[in-house]
Amino acid sequence: MADAQPTDAEAMALIALATALSDERRARRFLDLTGIGTDELRAQAGQPALLAALIRFLEAHEPDLLAVAETMGVKPEALVTARRELEETE
């Protein structure tokens, strides 16, 4: 059985997750607001629900959304679209 390949939305969200968590302040706020622990985060990093939650977190604070999108080299709208696609798979 072949491994499932990530969708474009999942791939984009995984990059957003890594980018968002590379900022210590943003990472701490995400962990504090979601109540997720670092072990749980590692275990669920590829789950559409967690990835969508990360993008919702970014959307809730526009400076974070803009900063992550800029670092990734994408428009913020692309992240919002990815979140919507991920929510459809939940």
Protein backbone atom coordinates (compact mmCIF):
# COMPACT_ATOMS: atom_id res chain seq x y z
CA MET A 1 0.00 0.00 0.00
CA ALA A 2 1.44 3.36 -1.06
CA ASP A 3 1.75 6.22 1.40
CA ALA A 4 -0.83 8.95 0.93
CA GLN A 5 0.60 12.03 -0.69
CA PRO A 6 -0.21 15.39 0.88
CA THR A 7 -2.57 17.66 -0.99
CA ASP A 8 -1.42 21.11 -2.02
CA ALA A 9 -3.43 22.54 0.89
CA GLU A 10 -1.78 20.13 3.34
CA ALA A 11 1.68 20.87 1.99
CA MET A 12 1.10 24.61 2.20
CA ALA A 13 -0.29 24.29 5.73
CA LEU A 14 2.67 22.18 6.86
CA ILE A 15 5.03 24.85 5.59
CA ALA A 16 2.92 27.48 7.36
CA LEU A 17 3.09 25.43 10.56
CA ALA A 18 6.88 25.21 10.39
CA THR A 19 7.14 28.90 9.53
CA ALA A 20 4.76 29.98 12.28
CA LEU A 21 6.50 27.88 14.91
CA SER A 22 9.92 29.20 13.95
CA ASP A 23 8.99 32.41 15.77
CA GLU A 24 9.23 31.67 19.50
CA ARG A 25 6.63 34.26 20.54
CA ARG A 26 4.13 33.06 17.96
CA ALA A 27 4.78 29.40 18.77
CA ARG A 28 4.21 29.96 22.50
CA ARG A 29 0.99 31.86 21.82
CA PHE A 30 -0.28 29.08 19.53
CA LEU A 31 0.50 26.41 22.12
CA ASP A 32 -1.01 28.47 24.94
CA LEU A 33 -4.20 29.33 23.05
CA THR A 34 -4.82 25.83 21.73
CA GLY A 35 -3.76 23.98 24.86
CA ILE A 36 -1.87 21.50 22.71
CA GLY A 37 1.39 20.16 24.05
CA THR A 38 4.55 19.82 22.01
CA ASP A 39 4.32 16.00 21.94
CA GLU A 40 0.72 16.15 20.78
CA LEU A 41 1.68 18.78 18.20
CA ARG A 42 4.37 16.50 16.78
CA ALA A 43 1.98 13.55 16.68
CA GLN A 44 -0.81 15.50 14.94
CA ALA A 45 1.23 17.82 12.70
CA GLY A 46 -0.06 16.23 9.50
CA GLN A 47 -3.72 16.10 10.51
CA PRO A 48 -6.04 18.40 8.51
CA ALA A 49 -7.83 19.56 11.69
CA LEU A 50 -4.59 20.75 13.31
CA LEU A 51 -3.35 22.37 10.10
CA ALA A 52 -6.65 24.20 9.64
CA ALA A 53 -6.51 25.32 13.29
CA LEU A 54 -3.03 26.74 12.74
CA ILE A 55 -4.21 28.81 9.79
CA ARG A 56 -7.29 29.97 11.74
CA PHE A 57 -4.87 31.03 14.49
CA LEU A 58 -2.90 33.07 11.95
CA GLU A 59 -6.08 34.58 10.52
CA ALA A 60 -7.11 35.73 14.01
CA HIS A 61 -4.01 37.96 14.20
CA GLU A 62 -3.47 39.55 10.80
CA PRO A 63 0.17 40.57 11.43
CA ASP A 64 1.02 36.88 11.95
CA LEU A 65 -0.88 35.85 8.82
CA LEU A 66 0.92 38.49 6.78
CA ALA A 67 4.33 37.64 8.23
CA VAL A 68 3.99 33.90 7.62
CA ALA A 69 2.63 34.41 4.10
CA GLU A 70 5.47 36.79 3.28
CA THR A 71 8.09 34.39 4.62
CA MET A 72 6.54 31.60 2.55
CA GLY A 73 6.35 33.80 -0.55
CA VAL A 74 2.58 33.37 -0.95
CA LYS A 75 -0.41 35.68 -0.70
CA PRO A 76 -2.34 35.50 2.59
CA GLU A 77 -5.39 34.51 0.56
CA ALA A 78 -3.60 31.30 -0.45
CA LEU A 79 -3.38 30.29 3.20
CA VAL A 80 -7.06 31.07 3.74
CA THR A 81 -7.93 28.94 0.70
CA ALA A 82 -5.77 26.11 2.04
CA ARG A 83 -7.61 26.29 5.38
CA ARG A 84 -10.97 26.07 3.65
CA GLU A 85 -9.83 23.03 1.67
CA LEU A 86 -8.52 21.37 4.83
CA GLU A 87 -11.81 21.99 6.63
CA GLU A 88 -13.65 20.25 3.81
CA THR A 89 -11.60 17.09 4.48
CA GLU A 90 -12.25 17.05 8.25
